[in-house]
Amino acid sequence: MTYEVRVSDKAHGQIQDIYDRLLIEARSAAVEWFNGVLERMNSLAQFPHRCPRAIESRRLSSELRHLVYGDHRRAYRIIFVVRAERVIILEVRHAARAPFTQI
């Protein structure tokens, strides 16, 4: 089964913010990060349940899952929910940030 992957407006904004910050450091690093995060998100079209539940699932009413992208310096969590035949990307956030409390 192939899932449709959708990105929320909030996640789009977060991706743009991260990209803009990385551009300050190095254009090539920003482009590489952007292409990589898109590839990881698109990989969720196949077997999204392979990813573990996100810690936020304990407090929220949704079964949130996450996929980590990046290395030890720049690890980002792609937080998503699977609904029917869709994967909805809710947030893309640095792994060092505290868990969020609402969707």
C-alpha atoms as a PDB file:
ATOM      1  CA  MET A   1       0.000   0.000   0.000  1.00  0.00           C
ATOM      2  CA  THR A   2       1.224   3.469  -0.872  1.00  0.00           C
ATOM      3  CA  TYR A   3       0.239   6.387   1.348  1.00  0.00           C
ATOM      4  CA  GLU A   4      -0.283   9.957   0.226  1.00  0.00           C
ATOM      5  CA  VAL A   5       2.124  12.268   2.063  1.00  0.00           C
ATOM      6  CA  ARG A   6       0.838  15.729   2.951  1.00  0.00           C
ATOM      7  CA  VAL A   7       2.698  18.495   4.737  1.00  0.00           C
ATOM      8  CA  SER A   8       0.814  20.838   7.059  1.00  0.00           C
ATOM      9  CA  ASP A   9       1.180  24.593   6.750  1.00  0.00           C
ATOM     10  CA  LYS A  10       2.936  24.636  10.114  1.00  0.00           C
ATOM     11  CA  ALA A  11       5.505  22.060   8.964  1.00  0.00           C
ATOM     12  CA  HIS A  12       6.027  23.975   5.687  1.00  0.00           C
ATOM     13  CA  GLY A  13       6.811  27.078   7.730  1.00  0.00           C
ATOM     14  CA  GLN A  14       9.192  25.193   9.990  1.00  0.00           C
ATOM     15  CA  ILE A  15      11.034  23.710   7.012  1.00  0.00           C
ATOM     16  CA  GLN A  16      11.369  27.178   5.474  1.00  0.00           C
ATOM     17  CA  ASP A  17      12.676  28.628   8.759  1.00  0.00           C
ATOM     18  CA  ILE A  18      15.280  25.873   9.128  1.00  0.00           C
ATOM     19  CA  TYR A  19      16.348  26.273   5.504  1.00  0.00           C
ATOM     20  CA  ASP A  20      16.687  30.047   5.926  1.00  0.00           C
ATOM     21  CA  ARG A  21      18.850  29.604   9.042  1.00  0.00           C
ATOM     22  CA  LEU A  22      21.070  27.092   7.269  1.00  0.00           C
ATOM     23  CA  LEU A  23      21.479  29.475   4.315  1.00  0.00           C
ATOM     24  CA  ILE A  24      23.282  31.882   6.627  1.00  0.00           C
ATOM     25  CA  GLU A  25      25.920  29.219   7.294  1.00  0.00           C
ATOM     26  CA  ALA A  26      26.320  27.727   3.824  1.00  0.00           C
ATOM     27  CA  ARG A  27      24.116  27.547   0.767  1.00  0.00           C
ATOM     28  CA  SER A  28      25.244  24.041  -0.162  1.00  0.00           C
ATOM     29  CA  ALA A  29      24.451  22.736   3.342  1.00  0.00           C
ATOM     30  CA  ALA A  30      20.994  24.321   3.202  1.00  0.00           C
ATOM     31  CA  VAL A  31      20.199  22.800  -0.188  1.00  0.00           C
ATOM     32  CA  GLU A  32      21.506  19.392   0.908  1.00  0.00           C
ATOM     33  CA  TRP A  33      19.409  19.529   4.098  1.00  0.00           C
ATOM     34  CA  PHE A  34      16.285  20.594   2.196  1.00  0.00           C
ATOM     35  CA  ASN A  35      16.603  17.839  -0.408  1.00  0.00           C
ATOM     36  CA  GLY A  36      17.315  15.283   2.299  1.00  0.00           C
ATOM     37  CA  VAL A  37      14.356  16.199   4.477  1.00  0.00           C
ATOM     38  CA  LEU A  38      12.044  16.034   1.447  1.00  0.00           C
ATOM     39  CA  GLU A  39      13.412  12.593   0.600  1.00  0.00           C
ATOM     40  CA  ARG A  40      12.845  11.381   4.173  1.00  0.00           C
ATOM     41  CA  MET A  41       9.297  12.747   4.243  1.00  0.00           C
ATOM     42  CA  ASN A  42       8.507  11.139   0.887  1.00  0.00           C
ATOM     43  CA  SER A  43       9.854   7.820   2.194  1.00  0.00           C
ATOM     44  CA  LEU A  44       6.827   7.753   4.502  1.00  0.00           C
ATOM     45  CA  ALA A  45       4.664   6.856   1.507  1.00  0.00           C
ATOM     46  CA  GLN A  46       5.890   3.311   2.112  1.00  0.00           C
ATOM     47  CA  PHE A  47       5.480   1.663   5.522  1.00  0.00           C
ATOM     48  CA  PRO A  48       4.994   4.744   7.727  1.00  0.00           C
ATOM     49  CA  HIS A  49       4.211   2.477  10.685  1.00  0.00           C
ATOM     50  CA  ARG A  50       7.869   1.424  10.687  1.00  0.00           C
ATOM     51  CA  CYS A  51       8.551   4.608  12.629  1.00  0.00           C
ATOM     52  CA  PRO A  52       8.207   4.624  16.419  1.00  0.00           C
ATOM     53  CA  ARG A  53       5.535   6.512  18.297  1.00  0.00           C
ATOM     54  CA  ALA A  54       6.558  10.011  19.267  1.00  0.00           C
ATOM     55  CA  ILE A  55       6.888  10.813  22.954  1.00  0.00           C
ATOM     56  CA  GLU A  56       4.092  13.372  22.532  1.00  0.00           C
ATOM     57  CA  SER A  57       1.625  10.524  21.877  1.00  0.00           C
ATOM     58  CA  ARG A  58       1.531   9.814  25.597  1.00  0.00           C
ATOM     59  CA  ARG A  59      -0.041  13.196  26.372  1.00  0.00           C
ATOM     60  CA  LEU A  60      -2.037  13.868  23.233  1.00  0.00           C
ATOM     61  CA  SER A  61      -5.026  12.017  21.879  1.00  0.00           C
ATOM     62  CA  SER A  62      -3.415  11.227  18.499  1.00  0.00           C
ATOM     63  CA  GLU A  63      -1.078   8.378  17.645  1.00  0.00           C
ATOM     64  CA  LEU A  64       1.860  10.498  16.597  1.00  0.00           C
ATOM     65  CA  ARG A  65       4.945   8.956  15.051  1.00  0.00           C
ATOM     66  CA  HIS A  66       8.328  10.416  14.216  1.00  0.00           C
ATOM     67  CA  LEU A  67      11.196   9.921  11.843  1.00  0.00           C
ATOM     68  CA  VAL A  68      14.602  11.405  12.626  1.00  0.00           C
ATOM     69  CA  TYR A  69      16.611  13.097   9.896  1.00  0.00           C
ATOM     70  CA  GLY A  70      20.151  14.425  10.134  1.00  0.00           C
ATOM     71  CA  ASP A  71      23.309  13.768  12.092  1.00  0.00           C
ATOM     72  CA  HIS A  72      24.231  14.253  15.740  1.00  0.00           C
ATOM     73  CA  ARG A  73      24.733  18.020  15.259  1.00  0.00           C
ATOM     74  CA  ARG A  74      21.620  18.659  13.202  1.00  0.00           C
ATOM     75  CA  ALA A  75      19.038  16.019  14.010  1.00  0.00           C
ATOM     76  CA  TYR A  76      15.444  16.928  13.216  1.00  0.00           C
ATOM     77  CA  ARG A  77      12.268  15.066  14.064  1.00  0.00           C
ATOM     78  CA  ILE A  78       9.615  14.727  11.380  1.00  0.00           C
ATOM     79  CA  ILE A  79       6.437  14.297  13.418  1.00  0.00           C
ATOM     80  CA  PHE A  80       3.442  12.858  11.631  1.00  0.00           C
ATOM     81  CA  VAL A  81       0.153  11.027  11.955  1.00  0.00           C
ATOM     82  CA  VAL A  82      -1.225   8.256   9.757  1.00  0.00           C
ATOM     83  CA  ARG A  83      -4.906   8.636   8.893  1.00  0.00           C
ATOM     84  CA  ALA A  84      -6.525   6.156   6.514  1.00  0.00           C
ATOM     85  CA  GLU A  85      -4.321   6.251   3.407  1.00  0.00           C
ATOM     86  CA  ARG A  86      -2.574   9.522   4.286  1.00  0.00           C
ATOM     87  CA  VAL A  87       0.516  10.517   6.171  1.00  0.00           C
ATOM     88  CA  ILE A  88       0.197  14.052   7.486  1.00  0.00           C
ATOM     89  CA  ILE A  89       3.430  15.776   8.489  1.00  0.00           C
ATOM     90  CA  LEU A  90       2.558  17.956  11.478  1.00  0.00           C
ATOM     91  CA  GLU A  91       5.937  19.336  12.532  1.00  0.00           C
ATOM     92  CA  VAL A  92       9.609  19.357  11.632  1.00  0.00           C
ATOM     93  CA  ARG A  93      11.616  20.371  14.678  1.00  0.00           C
ATOM     94  CA  HIS A  94      15.120  20.099  16.046  1.00  0.00           C
ATOM     95  CA  ALA A  95      15.539  16.933  18.103  1.00  0.00           C
ATOM     96  CA  ALA A  96      16.911  18.900  21.057  1.00  0.00           C
ATOM     97  CA  ARG A  97      13.671  20.855  21.495  1.00  0.00           C
ATOM     98  CA  ALA A  98      11.315  19.863  24.287  1.00  0.00           C
ATOM     99  CA  PRO A  99       8.272  17.790  23.305  1.00  0.00           C
ATOM    100  CA  PHE A 100       5.264  19.886  22.305  1.00  0.00           C
ATOM    101  CA  THR A 101       2.004  19.806  24.255  1.00  0.00           C
ATOM    102  CA  GLN A 102      -0.624  20.466  21.601  1.00  0.00           C
ATOM    103  CA  ILE A 103      -1.156  19.821  17.920  1.00  0.00           C
END
